[in-house]
Each structure stands twice: as C-alpha cells, then as structure tokens.
C-alpha cells in the first residue's frame, strides 16, 4: 500500500484515503468520441475535480505525449491547483512511469479514483498498475470514455477483474457522506450539477 491511511477498511470510497486521477483528457482523444459525448464528459470530470478540491482530495493529472497529442483541455487544466504539473505520460499505464509512480508512492492515498480517456486502454492499464502496487482502484463509468464499443468492453473487463466501477453520483455521495458536508460542498462549488447528473 502506498499511502498511510488511518481509517478502517470499508467497501465505501473514503475521501481521506482518496486521490483523483485525471487521465489524458486531451482534444486528440475526445475527438474520437461521438460529438454529443465530448463536452458532457469534460463537464462531469470538471465537476468531480471541483468536488475533490472542495474536500481537499489531491488530484493527479496526465496528458499522453503532450508534444504530439496536445495538452490537458483548458476546461480541466484551469481547475488544477495553481502551479501543479500535468504529467507528460509516455506509457499507457501511469504506474509504469517513474515520476508519476513517485508521486503516487509519496501520497497519503491508497484509493485512486480514475476518470478520463480511454477506458479500455490508459484507464484500464492504470487501474491494474495501481492495484498491483497494493492500492484500491475505482473507475467512474460516466466520467471515462472510449469510442463505442470499447467503453463498455473496458468497463466489463475492469468489473470482471474486481476493480470497483461506480458513477459520478455514487462517488459524490460516498465522498460526502452527510448533509452538512453536502451543503458545504454545494456552497463551495456554487454551480449547478452537470447536465444529466441528478443528485
């Protein structure tokens, strides 16, 4: 286990054990998706990033081969803490790259919540690599994407391998847990939920 959490083990996703990992949300990969899926996916990921920030959950972000495939999309890059590096990921599974792995191993986390692109490749490889380091990995089904039919195939493989797969809504309530925190997070975000997300 890479982190040093103090709370007991539970099937629910614990915010004090969590790190949000935003994987390769770049125009190059978004453009492979059906047009009507692109901005809603970015909006859901951005909303999760705002929730993580409001709850002091750390965020790790990557962009694959950014010199060739471009940067993390501006809508999301602008939500990172000021001065935070977006890792230039040159492997499919992020745990296989020394600088990213060092950040993972230096974190207080042992639960890594994955969003981004593509579900069946970089998200899946990263989920397995993080698990193999002794962590719990969680993939958010409606905040990840691949061109059809590969998204559903990727999610099926992850579930079959015992990776936790849940939704944006499920993640939110597991991180928040009580009405007082729910009210605090809503006030901190101060914007409506993304289209299609009903809390």
Protein backbone atom coordinates (compact mmCIF):
# COMPACT_ATOMS: atom_id res chain seq x y z
CA UNK A 1 0.00 0.00 0.00
CA UNK A 2 1.49 3.33 -0.99
CA UNK A 3 -0.32 5.64 1.42
CA UNK A 4 -0.72 5.60 5.19
CA UNK A 5 -4.44 6.00 5.83
CA UNK A 6 -5.76 5.67 9.35
CA UNK A 7 -9.46 4.92 8.82
CA UNK A 8 -10.68 1.28 8.83
CA UNK A 9 -11.33 -0.64 5.63
CA UNK A 10 -14.79 -0.23 4.11
CA UNK A 11 -16.46 -1.00 0.81
CA UNK A 12 -17.41 2.66 0.56
CA UNK A 13 -14.95 5.09 -1.02
CA UNK A 14 -13.26 7.06 1.77
CA UNK A 15 -12.34 10.64 0.92
CA UNK A 16 -9.46 10.71 3.41
CA UNK A 17 -7.86 7.79 1.56
CA UNK A 18 -8.60 9.08 -1.95
CA UNK A 19 -6.71 10.70 -4.79
CA UNK A 20 -8.48 11.71 -8.01
CA UNK A 21 -6.56 10.78 -11.17
CA UNK A 22 -7.49 12.65 -14.36
CA UNK A 23 -6.13 10.67 -17.31
CA UNK A 24 -5.43 12.09 -20.79
CA UNK A 25 -8.44 14.35 -21.31
CA UNK A 26 -7.00 15.84 -24.49
CA UNK A 27 -8.70 17.01 -27.67
CA UNK A 28 -6.89 14.25 -29.59
CA UNK A 29 -8.77 11.57 -27.60
CA UNK A 30 -12.02 13.47 -27.13
CA UNK A 31 -12.31 13.83 -30.91
CA UNK A 32 -12.58 10.04 -31.20
CA UNK A 33 -15.84 10.09 -29.22
CA UNK A 34 -19.28 10.77 -30.67
CA UNK A 35 -19.74 14.54 -30.79
CA UNK A 36 -22.60 14.57 -28.29
CA UNK A 37 -20.48 12.78 -25.65
CA UNK A 38 -17.45 15.09 -25.64
CA UNK A 39 -18.42 18.20 -23.69
CA UNK A 40 -20.71 16.36 -21.25
CA UNK A 41 -17.78 14.09 -20.35
CA UNK A 42 -15.48 17.07 -19.79
CA UNK A 43 -18.19 18.77 -17.70
CA UNK A 44 -18.62 15.72 -15.45
CA UNK A 45 -14.87 15.37 -14.96
CA UNK A 46 -14.58 19.08 -14.19
CA UNK A 47 -17.38 18.83 -11.66
CA UNK A 48 -15.64 15.91 -9.92
CA UNK A 49 -12.43 17.97 -9.82
CA UNK A 50 -14.33 20.82 -8.13
CA UNK A 51 -15.76 18.39 -5.58
CA UNK A 52 -12.29 16.96 -4.90
CA UNK A 53 -10.88 20.45 -4.38
CA UNK A 54 -13.72 21.38 -2.01
CA UNK A 55 -12.97 18.24 0.03
CA UNK A 56 -9.16 18.69 -0.06
CA UNK A 57 -8.73 15.48 -2.07
CA UNK A 58 -5.49 15.56 -4.08
CA UNK A 59 -5.59 15.43 -7.86
CA UNK A 60 -3.06 13.90 -10.25
CA UNK A 61 -3.44 14.78 -13.95
CA UNK A 62 -1.77 13.35 -17.04
CA UNK A 63 -1.61 14.14 -20.75
CA UNK A 64 -0.27 11.43 -23.04
CA UNK A 65 2.65 12.52 -25.24
CA UNK A 66 1.57 16.14 -25.00
CA UNK A 67 4.02 17.29 -27.67
CA UNK A 68 2.13 15.13 -30.18
CA UNK A 69 -1.38 14.79 -28.72
CA UNK A 70 -1.74 18.22 -27.13
CA UNK A 71 -2.29 19.38 -23.54
CA UNK A 72 -4.97 18.62 -21.00
CA UNK A 73 -8.05 20.51 -22.19
CA UNK A 74 -8.20 24.08 -20.81
CA UNK A 75 -11.57 23.48 -19.08
CA UNK A 76 -9.82 21.00 -16.79
CA UNK A 77 -6.29 22.43 -16.64
CA UNK A 78 -7.78 25.59 -15.15
CA UNK A 79 -9.23 23.58 -12.25
CA UNK A 80 -5.89 22.22 -11.06
CA UNK A 81 -4.19 23.87 -8.09
CA UNK A 82 -2.02 26.77 -9.19
CA UNK A 83 1.39 25.60 -10.34
CA UNK A 84 0.50 21.90 -10.38
CA UNK A 85 2.25 19.86 -13.06
CA UNK A 86 0.30 17.86 -15.63
CA UNK A 87 2.45 14.79 -16.13
CA UNK A 88 3.55 14.11 -19.70
CA UNK A 89 2.64 10.43 -19.76
CA UNK A 90 4.63 8.31 -22.18
CA UNK A 91 3.22 4.93 -21.11
CA UNK A 92 -0.32 3.61 -21.15
CA UNK A 93 -0.43 2.55 -17.50
CA UNK A 94 0.65 5.57 -15.45
CA UNK A 95 2.15 3.48 -12.63
CA UNK A 96 4.84 2.40 -15.10
CA UNK A 97 6.33 5.89 -15.40
CA UNK A 98 8.86 6.74 -12.66
CA UNK A 99 7.87 10.38 -11.99
CA UNK A 100 4.16 9.56 -11.76
CA UNK A 101 4.82 6.48 -9.68
CA UNK A 102 6.96 8.53 -7.26
CA UNK A 103 4.08 10.96 -6.79
CA UNK A 104 1.69 8.07 -6.17
CA UNK A 105 4.04 6.44 -3.68
CA UNK A 106 4.67 9.77 -1.93
CA UNK A 107 0.97 10.44 -1.45
CA UNK A 108 -1.09 9.71 1.65
CA UNK A 109 -3.57 7.81 -0.51
CA UNK A 110 -4.32 4.16 -1.04
CA UNK A 111 -7.51 4.67 -3.07
CA UNK A 112 -7.16 6.08 -6.58
CA UNK A 113 -10.30 7.26 -8.38
CA UNK A 114 -9.82 7.24 -12.15
CA UNK A 115 -11.55 9.42 -14.72
CA UNK A 116 -10.62 10.27 -18.31
CA UNK A 117 -9.62 8.54 -21.51
CA UNK A 118 -9.55 5.89 -22.83
CA UNK A 119 -11.50 3.40 -20.73
CA UNK A 120 -10.14 0.22 -22.30
CA UNK A 121 -6.53 1.37 -22.65
CA UNK A 122 -4.94 4.01 -20.40
CA UNK A 123 -7.66 3.95 -17.74
CA UNK A 124 -7.66 0.14 -17.58
CA UNK A 125 -3.86 -0.17 -17.68
CA UNK A 126 -3.57 2.47 -14.95
CA UNK A 127 -6.23 0.79 -12.80
CA UNK A 128 -4.41 -2.53 -12.96
CA UNK A 129 -1.00 -0.96 -12.36
CA UNK A 130 -2.19 0.99 -9.34
CA UNK A 131 -3.87 -2.12 -7.96
CA UNK A 132 -0.67 -4.10 -8.45
CA UNK A 133 1.09 -1.54 -6.23
CA UNK A 134 -1.31 -2.51 -3.44
CA UNK A 135 -3.90 0.22 -3.85
CA UNK A 136 -7.65 0.19 -4.28
CA UNK A 137 -8.64 1.49 -7.70
CA UNK A 138 -12.04 2.90 -8.61
CA UNK A 139 -13.17 3.74 -12.15
CA UNK A 140 -16.03 6.19 -12.73
CA UNK A 141 -18.16 4.79 -15.55
CA UNK A 142 -19.76 8.08 -16.66
CA UNK A 143 -16.56 10.09 -16.33
CA UNK A 144 -14.47 7.84 -18.58
CA UNK A 145 -14.76 7.24 -22.29
CA UNK A 146 -13.67 5.35 -25.37
CA UNK A 147 -15.18 5.20 -28.84
CA UNK A 148 -18.04 2.66 -28.99
CA UNK A 149 -18.00 -0.26 -28.36
CA UNK A 150 -14.75 -0.06 -26.43
CA UNK A 151 -16.02 1.92 -23.42
CA UNK A 152 -18.45 -0.80 -22.37
CA UNK A 153 -15.91 -3.51 -23.15
CA UNK A 154 -13.34 -1.76 -20.98
CA UNK A 155 -15.77 -1.39 -18.08
CA UNK A 156 -16.74 -5.07 -18.35
CA UNK A 157 -13.11 -6.14 -18.16
CA UNK A 158 -12.46 -3.93 -15.16
CA UNK A 159 -15.51 -5.28 -13.31
CA UNK A 160 -14.57 -8.85 -14.15
CA UNK A 161 -11.12 -8.21 -12.69
CA UNK A 162 -12.58 -6.96 -9.41
CA UNK A 163 -11.97 -3.24 -9.98
CA UNK A 164 -14.65 -1.07 -8.35
CA UNK A 165 -16.75 0.65 -11.03
CA UNK A 166 -19.24 3.31 -9.95
CA UNK A 167 -20.83 6.53 -11.18
CA UNK A 168 -20.24 10.24 -10.61
CA UNK A 169 -23.32 10.30 -8.36
CA UNK A 170 -22.18 7.25 -6.40
CA UNK A 171 -18.70 8.68 -5.91
CA UNK A 172 -20.07 12.04 -4.78
CA UNK A 173 -22.23 10.61 -2.02
CA UNK A 174 -19.52 8.23 -0.83
CA UNK A 175 -17.06 11.13 -0.56
CA UNK A 176 -19.59 13.47 1.09
CA UNK A 177 -21.43 11.09 3.48
CA UNK A 178 -23.56 13.60 5.43
CA UNK A 179 -25.90 16.51 4.87
CA UNK A 180 -23.62 19.11 6.46
CA UNK A 181 -20.75 18.19 4.12
CA UNK A 182 -23.15 18.06 1.17
CA UNK A 183 -24.25 21.63 1.91
CA UNK A 184 -20.65 22.80 2.35
CA UNK A 185 -19.52 21.27 -0.96
CA UNK A 186 -22.51 22.67 -2.85
CA UNK A 187 -21.74 26.14 -1.48
CA UNK A 188 -18.04 25.82 -2.37
CA UNK A 189 -18.79 24.70 -5.94
CA UNK A 190 -21.57 27.27 -6.34
CA UNK A 191 -22.77 25.99 -9.70
CA UNK A 192 -25.35 23.53 -10.95
CA UNK A 193 -24.57 19.88 -11.46
CA UNK A 194 -23.56 18.89 -15.00
CA UNK A 195 -26.36 18.16 -17.43
CA UNK A 196 -27.78 14.70 -16.83
CA UNK A 197 -26.46 14.38 -13.25
CA UNK A 198 -29.26 14.38 -10.68
CA UNK A 199 -28.12 14.42 -7.08
